[in-house]
Amino acid sequence: MNPATPLPGGHDTPTVYYDGGCPVCTREIAMYRQQPGAEGIRWVDASTCGAEELGAQLSREAALARLHLRGADGQLVSGAAAFTGMWREMPRWRWLGVLFGKGWRLAALEGVYHAFLRVRRVWRRA
């Protein structure tokens, strides 16, 4: 499927924006891309894509700073919300997205992600 092709029902393909310049991020995204359901997600490396691929309301700087997901409805989320949204798109991971997708669990996951981002700065420079 062409990444820009709308899905049935007039909605666009869910899109994950990730930092391909981060070796840890790249390995993790490569693992997700091999999962069932991943073919229904558009994967955009924010470190190398054109500005037009980032779409509305997402700068390259923001896209490189945190994982982002633009849902099929066009809503843009980042961090833990992006992970849980991405997981809900893949059958093997859906349960995790549902479990951590709301309330205190989402807040706790965001805290863990924020801690990861602090460590990631070192890897990003390497």
PDB file of N, CA and C in Angstrom:
ATOM      1  N   MET A   1       0.848  -1.175   0.000  1.00  0.00           N
ATOM      2  CA  MET A   1       0.000   0.000   0.000  1.00  0.00           C
ATOM      3  C   MET A   1       0.888   1.230   0.000  1.00  0.00           C
ATOM      4  N   ASN A   2       0.556   2.206  -0.787  1.00  0.00           N
ATOM      5  CA  ASN A   2       1.249   3.490  -0.802  1.00  0.00           C
ATOM      6  C   ASN A   2       1.001   4.184   0.529  1.00  0.00           C
ATOM      7  N   PRO A   3       2.069   4.686   1.199  1.00  0.00           N
ATOM      8  CA  PRO A   3       1.884   5.289   2.510  1.00  0.00           C
ATOM      9  C   PRO A   3       0.879   6.430   2.546  1.00  0.00           C
ATOM     10  N   ALA A   4       0.667   7.118   1.443  1.00  0.00           N
ATOM     11  CA  ALA A   4      -0.255   8.247   1.428  1.00  0.00           C
ATOM     12  C   ALA A   4      -1.676   7.835   1.057  1.00  0.00           C
ATOM     13  N   THR A   5      -1.902   6.561   0.750  1.00  0.00           N
ATOM     14  CA  THR A   5      -3.218   6.098   0.354  1.00  0.00           C
ATOM     15  C   THR A   5      -4.149   6.042   1.552  1.00  0.00           C
ATOM     16  N   PRO A   6      -5.320   6.682   1.462  1.00  0.00           N
ATOM     17  CA  PRO A   6      -6.262   6.626   2.576  1.00  0.00           C
ATOM     18  C   PRO A   6      -6.777   5.208   2.796  1.00  0.00           C
ATOM     19  N   LEU A   7      -7.074   4.886   4.014  1.00  0.00           N
ATOM     20  CA  LEU A   7      -7.699   3.606   4.344  1.00  0.00           C
ATOM     21  C   LEU A   7      -9.177   3.705   4.026  1.00  0.00           C
ATOM     22  N   PRO A   8      -9.869   2.544   3.927  1.00  0.00           N
ATOM     23  CA  PRO A   8     -11.309   2.579   3.696  1.00  0.00           C
ATOM     24  C   PRO A   8     -12.008   3.428   4.753  1.00  0.00           C
ATOM     25  N   GLY A   9     -13.058   4.109   4.347  1.00  0.00           N
ATOM     26  CA  GLY A   9     -13.790   4.945   5.278  1.00  0.00           C
ATOM     27  C   GLY A   9     -13.295   6.391   5.269  1.00  0.00           C
ATOM     28  N   GLY A  10     -12.308   6.696   4.416  1.00  0.00           N
ATOM     29  CA  GLY A  10     -11.848   8.063   4.264  1.00  0.00           C
ATOM     30  C   GLY A  10     -10.795   8.503   5.268  1.00  0.00           C
ATOM     31  N   HIS A  11     -10.347   7.611   6.147  1.00  0.00           N
ATOM     32  CA  HIS A  11      -9.330   7.983   7.129  1.00  0.00           C
ATOM     33  C   HIS A  11      -7.938   7.688   6.589  1.00  0.00           C
ATOM     34  N   ASP A  12      -7.004   8.481   7.032  1.00  0.00           N
ATOM     35  CA  ASP A  12      -5.615   8.247   6.645  1.00  0.00           C
ATOM     36  C   ASP A  12      -5.036   7.124   7.485  1.00  0.00           C
ATOM     37  N   THR A  13      -3.938   6.602   7.029  1.00  0.00           N
ATOM     38  CA  THR A  13      -3.210   5.558   7.731  1.00  0.00           C
ATOM     39  C   THR A  13      -2.620   6.125   9.017  1.00  0.00           C
ATOM     40  N   PRO A  14      -2.718   5.406  10.149  1.00  0.00           N
ATOM     41  CA  PRO A  14      -2.009   5.860  11.347  1.00  0.00           C
ATOM     42  C   PRO A  14      -0.520   5.979  11.021  1.00  0.00           C
ATOM     43  N   THR A  15       0.110   7.041  11.514  1.00  0.00           N
ATOM     44  CA  THR A  15       1.499   7.313  11.182  1.00  0.00           C
ATOM     45  C   THR A  15       2.322   7.469  12.448  1.00  0.00           C
ATOM     46  N   VAL A  16       3.431   6.721  12.517  1.00  0.00           N
ATOM     47  CA  VAL A  16       4.383   6.838  13.615  1.00  0.00           C
ATOM     48  C   VAL A  16       5.578   7.632  13.120  1.00  0.00           C
ATOM     49  N   TYR A  17       5.958   8.656  13.883  1.00  0.00           N
ATOM     50  CA  TYR A  17       7.127   9.477  13.591  1.00  0.00           C
ATOM     51  C   TYR A  17       8.181   9.155  14.641  1.00  0.00           C
ATOM     52  N   TYR A  18       9.331   8.690  14.206  1.00  0.00           N
ATOM     53  CA  TYR A  18      10.382   8.262  15.137  1.00  0.00           C
ATOM     54  C   TYR A  18      11.722   8.856  14.716  1.00  0.00           C
ATOM     55  N   ASP A  19      12.680   8.825  15.632  1.00  0.00           N
ATOM     56  CA  ASP A  19      14.009   9.369  15.388  1.00  0.00           C
ATOM     57  C   ASP A  19      14.928   8.266  14.881  1.00  0.00           C
ATOM     58  N   GLY A  20      15.127   8.216  13.586  1.00  0.00           N
ATOM     59  CA  GLY A  20      16.008   7.220  12.983  1.00  0.00           C
ATOM     60  C   GLY A  20      17.477   7.460  13.268  1.00  0.00           C
ATOM     61  N   GLY A  21      17.813   8.594  13.865  1.00  0.00           N
ATOM     62  CA  GLY A  21      19.187   8.868  14.250  1.00  0.00           C
ATOM     63  C   GLY A  21      19.543   8.316  15.621  1.00  0.00           C
ATOM     64  N   CYS A  22      18.574   7.772  16.309  1.00  0.00           N
ATOM     65  CA  CYS A  22      18.780   7.168  17.630  1.00  0.00           C
ATOM     66  C   CYS A  22      18.877   5.661  17.441  1.00  0.00           C
ATOM     67  N   PRO A  23      20.028   5.042  17.758  1.00  0.00           N
ATOM     68  CA  PRO A  23      20.174   3.607  17.521  1.00  0.00           C
ATOM     69  C   PRO A  23      19.192   2.748  18.316  1.00  0.00           C
ATOM     70  N   VAL A  24      18.880   3.132  19.533  1.00  0.00           N
ATOM     71  CA  VAL A  24      17.919   2.365  20.338  1.00  0.00           C
ATOM     72  C   VAL A  24      16.529   2.477  19.729  1.00  0.00           C
ATOM     73  N   CYS A  25      16.149   3.695  19.345  1.00  0.00           N
ATOM     74  CA  CYS A  25      14.840   3.926  18.727  1.00  0.00           C
ATOM     75  C   CYS A  25      14.703   3.143  17.420  1.00  0.00           C
ATOM     76  N   THR A  26      15.746   3.165  16.616  1.00  0.00           N
ATOM     77  CA  THR A  26      15.729   2.471  15.330  1.00  0.00           C
ATOM     78  C   THR A  26      15.547   0.975  15.508  1.00  0.00           C
ATOM     79  N   ARG A  27      16.242   0.390  16.477  1.00  0.00           N
ATOM     80  CA  ARG A  27      16.092  -1.055  16.733  1.00  0.00           C
ATOM     81  C   ARG A  27      14.686  -1.386  17.211  1.00  0.00           C
ATOM     82  N   GLU A  28      14.150  -0.544  18.090  1.00  0.00           N
ATOM     83  CA  GLU A  28      12.808  -0.811  18.594  1.00  0.00           C
ATOM     84  C   GLU A  28      11.769  -0.699  17.482  1.00  0.00           C
ATOM     85  N   ILE A  29      11.863   0.331  16.676  1.00  0.00           N
ATOM     86  CA  ILE A  29      10.911   0.499  15.574  1.00  0.00           C
ATOM     87  C   ILE A  29      11.040  -0.653  14.582  1.00  0.00           C
ATOM     88  N   ALA A  30      12.266  -1.110  14.311  1.00  0.00           N
ATOM     89  CA  ALA A  30      12.463  -2.250  13.401  1.00  0.00           C
ATOM     90  C   ALA A  30      11.736  -3.483  13.934  1.00  0.00           C
ATOM     91  N   MET A  31      11.769  -3.683  15.245  1.00  0.00           N
ATOM     92  CA  MET A  31      11.062  -4.818  15.841  1.00  0.00           C
ATOM     93  C   MET A  31       9.547  -4.654  15.652  1.00  0.00           C
ATOM     94  N   TYR A  32       9.027  -3.459  15.919  1.00  0.00           N
ATOM     95  CA  TYR A  32       7.589  -3.231  15.746  1.00  0.00           C
ATOM     96  C   TYR A  32       7.168  -3.415  14.293  1.00  0.00           C
ATOM     97  N   ARG A  33       8.001  -2.996  13.357  1.00  0.00           N
ATOM     98  CA  ARG A  33       7.653  -3.086  11.938  1.00  0.00           C
ATOM     99  C   ARG A  33       7.522  -4.521  11.451  1.00  0.00           C
ATOM    100  N   GLN A  34       8.063  -5.467  12.194  1.00  0.00           N
ATOM    101  CA  GLN A  34       7.963  -6.885  11.828  1.00  0.00           C
ATOM    102  C   GLN A  34       6.747  -7.561  12.452  1.00  0.00           C
ATOM    103  N   GLN A  35       5.972  -6.841  13.237  1.00  0.00           N
ATOM    104  CA  GLN A  35       4.828  -7.413  13.934  1.00  0.00           C
ATOM    105  C   GLN A  35       3.586  -7.443  13.045  1.00  0.00           C
ATOM    106  N   PRO A  36       2.710  -8.429  13.255  1.00  0.00           N
ATOM    107  CA  PRO A  36       1.433  -8.414  12.538  1.00  0.00           C
ATOM    108  C   PRO A  36       0.693  -7.105  12.831  1.00  0.00           C
ATOM    109  N   GLY A  37       0.127  -6.516  11.807  1.00  0.00           N
ATOM    110  CA  GLY A  37      -0.585  -5.256  11.932  1.00  0.00           C
ATOM    111  C   GLY A  37       0.265  -4.049  11.581  1.00  0.00           C
ATOM    112  N   ALA A  38       1.586  -4.209  11.582  1.00  0.00           N
ATOM    113  CA  ALA A  38       2.481  -3.092  11.296  1.00  0.00           C
ATOM    114  C   ALA A  38       2.338  -2.595   9.862  1.00  0.00           C
ATOM    115  N   GLU A  39       1.865  -3.453   8.975  1.00  0.00           N
ATOM    116  CA  GLU A  39       1.694  -3.041   7.582  1.00  0.00           C
ATOM    117  C   GLU A  39       0.583  -1.994   7.447  1.00  0.00           C
ATOM    118  N   GLY A  40      -0.260  -1.865   8.453  1.00  0.00           N
ATOM    119  CA  GLY A  40      -1.320  -0.856   8.450  1.00  0.00           C
ATOM    120  C   GLY A  40      -0.898   0.472   9.044  1.00  0.00           C
ATOM    121  N   ILE A  41       0.378   0.578   9.392  1.00  0.00           N
ATOM    122  CA  ILE A  41       0.921   1.804   9.976  1.00  0.00           C
ATOM    123  C   ILE A  41       1.942   2.386   9.004  1.00  0.00           C
ATOM    124  N   ARG A  42       1.930   3.678   8.859  1.00  0.00           N
ATOM    125  CA  ARG A  42       2.948   4.371   8.069  1.00  0.00           C
ATOM    126  C   ARG A  42       4.069   4.745   9.033  1.00  0.00           C
ATOM    127  N   TRP A  43       5.308   4.405   8.690  1.00  0.00           N
ATOM    128  CA  TRP A  43       6.476   4.628   9.550  1.00  0.00           C
ATOM    129  C   TRP A  43       7.323   5.725   8.929  1.00  0.00           C
ATOM    130  N   VAL A  44       7.525   6.834   9.636  1.00  0.00           N
ATOM    131  CA  VAL A  44       8.263   7.975   9.099  1.00  0.00           C
ATOM    132  C   VAL A  44       9.472   8.250   9.985  1.00  0.00           C
ATOM    133  N   ASP A  45      10.645   8.164   9.378  1.00  0.00           N
ATOM    134  CA  ASP A  45      11.888   8.507  10.060  1.00  0.00           C
ATOM    135  C   ASP A  45      12.024  10.023  10.010  1.00  0.00           C
ATOM    136  N   ALA A  46      11.798  10.661  11.140  1.00  0.00           N
ATOM    137  CA  ALA A  46      11.807  12.125  11.204  1.00  0.00           C
ATOM    138  C   ALA A  46      13.193  12.717  10.993  1.00  0.00           C
ATOM    139  N   SER A  47      14.235  11.893  11.094  1.00  0.00           N
ATOM    140  CA  SER A  47      15.588  12.416  10.903  1.00  0.00           C
ATOM    141  C   SER A  47      15.946  12.570   9.429  1.00  0.00           C
ATOM    142  N   THR A  48      15.205  11.924   8.546  1.00  0.00           N
ATOM    143  CA  THR A  48      15.543  11.983   7.116  1.00  0.00           C
ATOM    144  C   THR A  48      14.385  12.362   6.200  1.00  0.00           C
ATOM    145  N   CYS A  49      13.168  12.430   6.708  1.00  0.00           N
ATOM    146  CA  CYS A  49      12.016  12.682   5.836  1.00  0.00           C
ATOM    147  C   CYS A  49      11.957  14.148   5.414  1.00  0.00           C
ATOM    148  N   GLY A  50      11.191  14.390   4.385  1.00  0.00           N
ATOM    149  CA  GLY A  50      10.931  15.757   3.962  1.00  0.00           C
ATOM    150  C   GLY A  50       9.954  16.425   4.913  1.00  0.00           C
ATOM    151  N   ALA A  51       9.988  17.737   4.981  1.00  0.00           N
ATOM    152  CA  ALA A  51       9.116  18.484   5.890  1.00  0.00           C
ATOM    153  C   ALA A  51       7.640  18.183   5.633  1.00  0.00           C
ATOM    154  N   GLU A  52       7.275  17.954   4.371  1.00  0.00           N
ATOM    155  CA  GLU A  52       5.872  17.672   4.036  1.00  0.00           C
ATOM    156  C   GLU A  52       5.389  16.355   4.640  1.00  0.00           C
ATOM    157  N   GLU A  53       6.294  15.419   4.877  1.00  0.00           N
ATOM    158  CA  GLU A  53       5.906  14.132   5.471  1.00  0.00           C
ATOM    159  C   GLU A  53       5.553  14.253   6.949  1.00  0.00           C
ATOM    160  N   LEU A  54       6.021  15.316   7.594  1.00  0.00           N
ATOM    161  CA  LEU A  54       5.695  15.519   9.004  1.00  0.00           C
ATOM    162  C   LEU A  54       4.254  15.987   9.176  1.00  0.00           C
ATOM    163  N   GLY A  55       3.724  16.628   8.177  1.00  0.00           N
ATOM    164  CA  GLY A  55       2.335  17.055   8.231  1.00  0.00           C
ATOM    165  C   GLY A  55       2.113  18.246   9.155  1.00  0.00           C
ATOM    166  N   ALA A  56       0.850  18.551   9.352  1.00  0.00           N
ATOM    167  CA  ALA A  56       0.449  19.714  10.138  1.00  0.00           C
ATOM    168  C   ALA A  56       0.786  19.538  11.610  1.00  0.00           C
ATOM    169  N   GLN A  57       1.155  20.615  12.226  1.00  0.00           N
ATOM    170  CA  GLN A  57       1.378  20.709  13.681  1.00  0.00           C
ATOM    171  C   GLN A  57       2.526  19.862  14.215  1.00  0.00           C
ATOM    172  N   LEU A  58       3.453  19.438  13.363  1.00  0.00           N
ATOM    173  CA  LEU A  58       4.595  18.659  13.851  1.00  0.00           C
ATOM    174  C   LEU A  58       5.869  19.178  13.201  1.00  0.00           C
ATOM    175  N   SER A  59       6.719  19.781  14.012  1.00  0.00           N
ATOM    176  CA  SER A  59       8.009  20.254  13.511  1.00  0.00           C
ATOM    177  C   SER A  59       9.013  19.108  13.570  1.00  0.00           C
ATOM    178  N   ARG A  60      10.080  19.228  12.807  1.00  0.00           N
ATOM    179  CA  ARG A  60      11.133  18.213  12.851  1.00  0.00           C
ATOM    180  C   ARG A  60      11.737  18.132  14.252  1.00  0.00           C
ATOM    181  N   GLU A  61      11.951  19.286  14.877  1.00  0.00           N
ATOM    182  CA  GLU A  61      12.525  19.312  16.220  1.00  0.00           C
ATOM    183  C   GLU A  61      11.649  18.528  17.210  1.00  0.00           C
ATOM    184  N   ALA A  62      10.356  18.734  17.163  1.00  0.00           N
ATOM    185  CA  ALA A  62       9.441  18.012  18.054  1.00  0.00           C
ATOM    186  C   ALA A  62       9.435  16.518  17.727  1.00  0.00           C
ATOM    187  N   ALA A  63       9.427  16.194  16.431  1.00  0.00           N
ATOM    188  CA  ALA A  63       9.391  14.792  16.013  1.00  0.00           C
ATOM    189  C   ALA A  63      10.645  14.037  16.428  1.00  0.00           C
ATOM    190  N   LEU A  64      11.782  14.726  16.475  1.00  0.00           N
ATOM    191  CA  LEU A  64      13.030  14.091  16.890  1.00  0.00           C
ATOM    192  C   LEU A  64      13.144  13.995  18.408  1.00  0.00           C
ATOM    193  N   ALA A  65      12.408  14.824  19.112  1.00  0.00           N
ATOM    194  CA  ALA A  65      12.501  14.853  20.573  1.00  0.00           C
ATOM    195  C   ALA A  65      11.705  13.736  21.241  1.00  0.00           C
ATOM    196  N   ARG A  66      10.605  13.310  20.616  1.00  0.00           N
ATOM    197  CA  ARG A  66       9.715  12.296  21.214  1.00  0.00           C
ATOM    198  C   ARG A  66       9.026  11.503  20.104  1.00  0.00           C
ATOM    199  N   LEU A  67       8.648  10.281  20.422  1.00  0.00           N
ATOM    200  CA  LEU A  67       7.846   9.498  19.496  1.00  0.00           C
ATOM    201  C   LEU A  67       6.486  10.179  19.342  1.00  0.00           C
ATOM    202  N   HIS A  68       6.001  10.246  18.109  1.00  0.00           N
ATOM    203  CA  HIS A  68       4.684  10.821  17.823  1.00  0.00           C
ATOM    204  C   HIS A  68       3.861   9.826  17.015  1.00  0.00           C
ATOM    205  N   LEU A  69       2.560   9.911  17.185  1.00  0.00           N
ATOM    206  CA  LEU A  69       1.610   9.127  16.408  1.00  0.00           C
ATOM    207  C   LEU A  69       0.493  10.043  15.960  1.00  0.00           C
ATOM    208  N   ARG A  70       0.252  10.037  14.664  1.00  0.00           N
ATOM    209  CA  ARG A  70      -0.932  10.721  14.132  1.00  0.00           C
ATOM    210  C   ARG A  70      -1.923   9.611  13.819  1.00  0.00           C
ATOM    211  N   GLY A  71      -3.010   9.600  14.559  1.00  0.00           N
ATOM    212  CA  GLY A  71      -4.011   8.553  14.384  1.00  0.00           C
ATOM    213  C   GLY A  71      -4.756   8.678  13.076  1.00  0.00           C
ATOM    214  N   ALA A  72      -5.523   7.654  12.761  1.00  0.00           N
ATOM    215  CA  ALA A  72      -6.319   7.663  11.529  1.00  0.00           C
ATOM    216  C   ALA A  72      -7.303   8.826  11.516  1.00  0.00           C
ATOM    217  N   ASP A  73      -7.643   9.348  12.702  1.00  0.00           N
ATOM    218  CA  ASP A  73      -8.550  10.494  12.798  1.00  0.00           C
ATOM    219  C   ASP A  73      -7.829  11.829  12.658  1.00  0.00           C
ATOM    220  N   GLY A  74      -6.482  11.789  12.497  1.00  0.00           N
ATOM    221  CA  GLY A  74      -5.698  13.005  12.342  1.00  0.00           C
ATOM    222  C   GLY A  74      -5.162  13.567  13.641  1.00  0.00           C
ATOM    223  N   GLN A  75      -5.595  13.028  14.778  1.00  0.00           N
ATOM    224  CA  GLN A  75      -5.127  13.531  16.074  1.00  0.00           C
ATOM    225  C   GLN A  75      -3.666  13.147  16.281  1.00  0.00           C
ATOM    226  N   LEU A  76      -2.864  14.121  16.727  1.00  0.00           N
ATOM    227  CA  LEU A  76      -1.440  13.931  16.956  1.00  0.00           C
ATOM    228  C   LEU A  76      -1.193  13.803  18.453  1.00  0.00           C
ATOM    229  N   VAL A  77      -0.524  12.711  18.859  1.00  0.00           N
ATOM    230  CA  VAL A  77      -0.147  12.501  20.253  1.00  0.00           C
ATOM    231  C   VAL A  77       1.332  12.144  20.295  1.00  0.00           C
ATOM    232  N   SER A  78       1.933  12.278  21.489  1.00  0.00           N
ATOM    233  CA  SER A  78       3.352  11.964  21.616  1.00  0.00           C
ATOM    234  C   SER A  78       3.612  11.193  22.898  1.00  0.00           C
ATOM    235  N   GLY A  79       4.843  10.703  23.009  1.00  0.00           N
ATOM    236  CA  GLY A  79       5.274  10.015  24.223  1.00  0.00           C
ATOM    237  C   GLY A  79       4.504   8.739  24.487  1.00  0.00           C
ATOM    238  N   ALA A  80       4.124   8.545  25.747  1.00  0.00           N
ATOM    239  CA  ALA A  80       3.428   7.323  26.143  1.00  0.00           C
ATOM    240  C   ALA A  80       2.120   7.149  25.384  1.00  0.00           C
ATOM    241  N   ALA A  81       1.417   8.235  25.127  1.00  0.00           N
ATOM    242  CA  ALA A  81       0.163   8.147  24.368  1.00  0.00           C
ATOM    243  C   ALA A  81       0.418   7.650  22.950  1.00  0.00           C
ATOM    244  N   ALA A  82       1.564   8.027  22.369  1.00  0.00           N
ATOM    245  CA  ALA A  82       1.910   7.539  21.034  1.00  0.00           C
ATOM    246  C   ALA A  82       2.221   6.048  21.069  1.00  0.00           C
ATOM    247  N   PHE A  83       2.948   5.611  22.091  1.00  0.00           N
ATOM    248  CA  PHE A  83       3.235   4.179  22.217  1.00  0.00           C
ATOM    249  C   PHE A  83       1.953   3.377  22.380  1.00  0.00           C
ATOM    250  N   THR A  84       1.079   3.797  23.282  1.00  0.00           N
ATOM    251  CA  THR A  84      -0.134   3.016  23.510  1.00  0.00           C
ATOM    252  C   THR A  84      -1.035   3.020  22.283  1.00  0.00           C
ATOM    253  N   GLY A  85      -1.067   4.135  21.555  1.00  0.00           N
ATOM    254  CA  GLY A  85      -1.839   4.179  20.315  1.00  0.00           C
ATOM    255  C   GLY A  85      -1.265   3.261  19.256  1.00  0.00           C
ATOM    256  N   MET A  86       0.064   3.242  19.147  1.00  0.00           N
ATOM    257  CA  MET A  86       0.737   2.354  18.193  1.00  0.00           C
ATOM    258  C   MET A  86       0.476   0.893  18.572  1.00  0.00           C
ATOM    259  N   TRP A  87       0.600   0.577  19.858  1.00  0.00           N
ATOM    260  CA  TRP A  87       0.374  -0.803  20.307  1.00  0.00           C
ATOM    261  C   TRP A  87      -1.047  -1.269  20.000  1.00  0.00           C
ATOM    262  N   ARG A  88      -2.018  -0.370  20.148  1.00  0.00           N
ATOM    263  CA  ARG A  88      -3.410  -0.759  19.883  1.00  0.00           C
ATOM    264  C   ARG A  88      -3.651  -1.091  18.411  1.00  0.00           C
ATOM    265  N   GLU A  89      -2.751  -0.661  17.536  1.00  0.00           N
ATOM    266  CA  GLU A  89      -2.868  -0.965  16.100  1.00  0.00           C
ATOM    267  C   GLU A  89      -2.347  -2.357  15.743  1.00  0.00           C
ATOM    268  N   MET A  90      -1.621  -2.998  16.670  1.00  0.00           N
ATOM    269  CA  MET A  90      -0.993  -4.293  16.383  1.00  0.00           C
ATOM    270  C   MET A  90      -1.583  -5.370  17.291  1.00  0.00           C
ATOM    271  N   PRO A  91      -2.129  -6.441  16.708  1.00  0.00           N
ATOM    272  CA  PRO A  91      -2.826  -7.460  17.501  1.00  0.00           C
ATOM    273  C   PRO A  91      -2.041  -8.011  18.693  1.00  0.00           C
ATOM    274  N   ARG A  92      -0.775  -8.305  18.547  1.00  0.00           N
ATOM    275  CA  ARG A  92       0.008  -8.875  19.653  1.00  0.00           C
ATOM    276  C   ARG A  92       0.276  -7.881  20.774  1.00  0.00           C
ATOM    277  N   TRP A  93       0.189  -6.608  20.483  1.00  0.00           N
ATOM    278  CA  TRP A  93       0.510  -5.556  21.448  1.00  0.00           C
ATOM    279  C   TRP A  93      -0.729  -4.827  21.945  1.00  0.00           C
ATOM    280  N   ARG A  94      -1.872  -5.088  21.332  1.00  0.00           N
ATOM    281  CA  ARG A  94      -3.106  -4.351  21.650  1.00  0.00           C
ATOM    282  C   ARG A  94      -3.415  -4.358  23.149  1.00  0.00           C
ATOM    283  N   TRP A  95      -3.244  -5.509  23.795  1.00  0.00           N
ATOM    284  CA  TRP A  95      -3.559  -5.616  25.226  1.00  0.00           C
ATOM    285  C   TRP A  95      -2.737  -4.624  26.048  1.00  0.00           C
ATOM    286  N   LEU A  96      -1.482  -4.417  25.646  1.00  0.00           N
ATOM    287  CA  LEU A  96      -0.613  -3.487  26.362  1.00  0.00           C
ATOM    288  C   LEU A  96      -1.083  -2.045  26.148  1.00  0.00           C
ATOM    289  N   GLY A  97      -1.498  -1.741  24.938  1.00  0.00           N
ATOM    290  CA  GLY A  97      -2.030  -0.413  24.648  1.00  0.00           C
ATOM    291  C   GLY A  97      -3.295  -0.119  25.421  1.00  0.00           C
ATOM    292  N   VAL A  98      -4.153  -1.118  25.565  1.00  0.00           N
ATOM    293  CA  VAL A  98      -5.382  -0.948  26.335  1.00  0.00           C
ATOM    294  C   VAL A  98      -5.052  -0.818  27.829  1.00  0.00           C
ATOM    295  N   LEU A  99      -4.166  -1.670  28.323  1.00  0.00           N
ATOM    296  CA  LEU A  99      -3.802  -1.668  29.742  1.00  0.00           C
ATOM    297  C   LEU A  99      -3.185  -0.342  30.175  1.00  0.00           C
ATOM    298  N   PHE A 100      -2.273   0.201  29.356  1.00  0.00           N
ATOM    299  CA  PHE A 100      -1.551   1.416  29.729  1.00  0.00           C
ATOM    300  C   PHE A 100      -2.095   2.681  29.077  1.00  0.00           C
ATOM    301  N   GLY A 101      -3.198   2.593  28.357  1.00  0.00           N
ATOM    302  CA  GLY A 101      -3.681   3.707  27.552  1.00  0.00           C
ATOM    303  C   GLY A 101      -4.433   4.807  28.260  1.00  0.00           C
ATOM    304  N   LYS A 102      -4.713   4.658  29.563  1.00  0.00           N
ATOM    305  CA  LYS A 102      -5.503   5.681  30.255  1.00  0.00           C
ATOM    306  C   LYS A 102      -5.068   5.818  31.706  1.00  0.00           C
ATOM    307  N   GLY A 103      -5.457   6.940  32.267  1.00  0.00           N
ATOM    308  CA  GLY A 103      -5.356   7.158  33.703  1.00  0.00           C
ATOM    309  C   GLY A 103      -3.946   7.102  34.268  1.00  0.00           C
ATOM    310  N   TRP A 104      -3.865   6.557  35.474  1.00  0.00           N
ATOM    311  CA  TRP A 104      -2.590   6.540  36.191  1.00  0.00           C
ATOM    312  C   TRP A 104      -1.553   5.675  35.490  1.00  0.00           C
ATOM    313  N   ARG A 105      -1.988   4.623  34.776  1.00  0.00           N
ATOM    314  CA  ARG A 105      -1.022   3.780  34.069  1.00  0.00           C
ATOM    315  C   ARG A 105      -0.351   4.544  32.926  1.00  0.00           C
ATOM    316  N   LEU A 106      -1.140   5.337  32.211  1.00  0.00           N
ATOM    317  CA  LEU A 106      -0.574   6.162  31.140  1.00  0.00           C
ATOM    318  C   LEU A 106       0.396   7.190  31.732  1.00  0.00           C
ATOM    319  N   ALA A 107       0.018   7.789  32.852  1.00  0.00           N
ATOM    320  CA  ALA A 107       0.891   8.763  33.516  1.00  0.00           C
ATOM    321  C   ALA A 107       2.190   8.104  33.976  1.00  0.00           C
ATOM    322  N   ALA A 108       2.103   6.891  34.514  1.00  0.00           N
ATOM    323  CA  ALA A 108       3.303   6.174  34.952  1.00  0.00           C
ATOM    324  C   ALA A 108       4.195   5.833  33.759  1.00  0.00           C
ATOM    325  N   LEU A 109       3.587   5.384  32.667  1.00  0.00           N
ATOM    326  CA  LEU A 109       4.357   5.074  31.463  1.00  0.00           C
ATOM    327  C   LEU A 109       5.025   6.332  30.912  1.00  0.00           C
ATOM    328  N   GLU A 110       4.335   7.462  30.970  1.00  0.00           N
ATOM    329  CA  GLU A 110       4.925   8.731  30.527  1.00  0.00           C
ATOM    330  C   GLU A 110       6.139   9.069  31.389  1.00  0.00           C
ATOM    331  N   GLY A 111       6.070   8.806  32.691  1.00  0.00           N
ATOM    332  CA  GLY A 111       7.213   9.038  33.571  1.00  0.00           C
ATOM    333  C   GLY A 111       8.410   8.190  33.197  1.00  0.00           C
ATOM    334  N   VAL A 112       8.166   6.923  32.890  1.00  0.00           N
ATOM    335  CA  VAL A 112       9.239   6.019  32.464  1.00  0.00           C
ATOM    336  C   VAL A 112       9.813   6.497  31.131  1.00  0.00           C
ATOM    337  N   TYR A 113       8.946   6.903  30.215  1.00  0.00           N
ATOM    338  CA  TYR A 113       9.408   7.393  28.914  1.00  0.00           C
ATOM    339  C   TYR A 113      10.245   8.662  29.080  1.00  0.00           C
ATOM    340  N   HIS A 114       9.815   9.549  29.954  1.00  0.00           N
ATOM    341  CA  HIS A 114      10.574  10.772  30.201  1.00  0.00           C
ATOM    342  C   HIS A 114      11.971  10.441  30.727  1.00  0.00           C
ATOM    343  N   ALA A 115      12.078   9.470  31.613  1.00  0.00           N
ATOM    344  CA  ALA A 115      13.391   9.048  32.121  1.00  0.00           C
ATOM    345  C   ALA A 115      14.250   8.486  30.988  1.00  0.00           C
ATOM    346  N   PHE A 116      13.637   7.677  30.119  1.00  0.00           N
ATOM    347  CA  PHE A 116      14.357   7.147  28.961  1.00  0.00           C
ATOM    348  C   PHE A 116      14.895   8.278  28.084  1.00  0.00           C
ATOM    349  N   LEU A 117      14.079   9.309  27.868  1.00  0.00           N
ATOM    350  CA  LEU A 117      14.503  10.416  27.006  1.00  0.00           C
ATOM    351  C   LEU A 117      15.732  11.128  27.555  1.00  0.00           C
ATOM    352  N   ARG A 118      15.852  11.194  28.854  1.00  0.00           N
ATOM    353  CA  ARG A 118      17.032  11.822  29.449  1.00  0.00           C
ATOM    354  C   ARG A 118      18.294  11.009  29.139  1.00  0.00           C
ATOM    355  N   VAL A 119      18.195   9.688  29.216  1.00  0.00           N
ATOM    356  CA  VAL A 119      19.332   8.813  28.913  1.00  0.00           C
ATOM    357  C   VAL A 119      19.605   8.808  27.411  1.00  0.00           C
ATOM    358  N   ARG A 120      18.560   8.867  26.622  1.00  0.00           N
ATOM    359  CA  ARG A 120      18.648   8.794  25.163  1.00  0.00           C
ATOM    360  C   ARG A 120      19.499   9.909  24.566  1.00  0.00           C
ATOM    361  N   ARG A 121      19.544  11.046  25.233  1.00  0.00           N
ATOM    362  CA  ARG A 121      20.358  12.158  24.727  1.00  0.00           C
ATOM    363  C   ARG A 121      21.800  11.721  24.488  1.00  0.00           C
ATOM    364  N   VAL A 122      22.306  10.872  25.350  1.00  0.00           N
ATOM    365  CA  VAL A 122      23.679  10.374  25.218  1.00  0.00           C
ATOM    366  C   VAL A 122      23.796   9.502  23.969  1.00  0.00           C
ATOM    367  N   TRP A 123      22.836   8.602  23.767  1.00  0.00           N
ATOM    368  CA  TRP A 123      22.863   7.722  22.606  1.00  0.00           C
ATOM    369  C   TRP A 123      22.690   8.504  21.308  1.00  0.00           C
ATOM    370  N   ARG A 124      21.850   9.524  21.357  1.00  0.00           N
ATOM    371  CA  ARG A 124      21.544  10.323  20.143  1.00  0.00           C
ATOM    372  C   ARG A 124      22.810  11.020  19.645  1.00  0.00           C
ATOM    373  N   ARG A 125      23.669  11.459  20.555  1.00  0.00           N
ATOM    374  CA  ARG A 125      24.885  12.154  20.168  1.00  0.00           C
ATOM    375  C   ARG A 125      25.945  11.211  19.639  1.00  0.00           C
ATOM    376  N   ALA A 126      25.870   9.943  20.033  1.00  0.00           N
ATOM    377  CA  ALA A 126      26.906   8.954  19.662  1.00  0.00           C
ATOM    378  C   ALA A 126      26.901   8.655  18.186  1.00  0.00           C
TER     379      ALA A 126
END
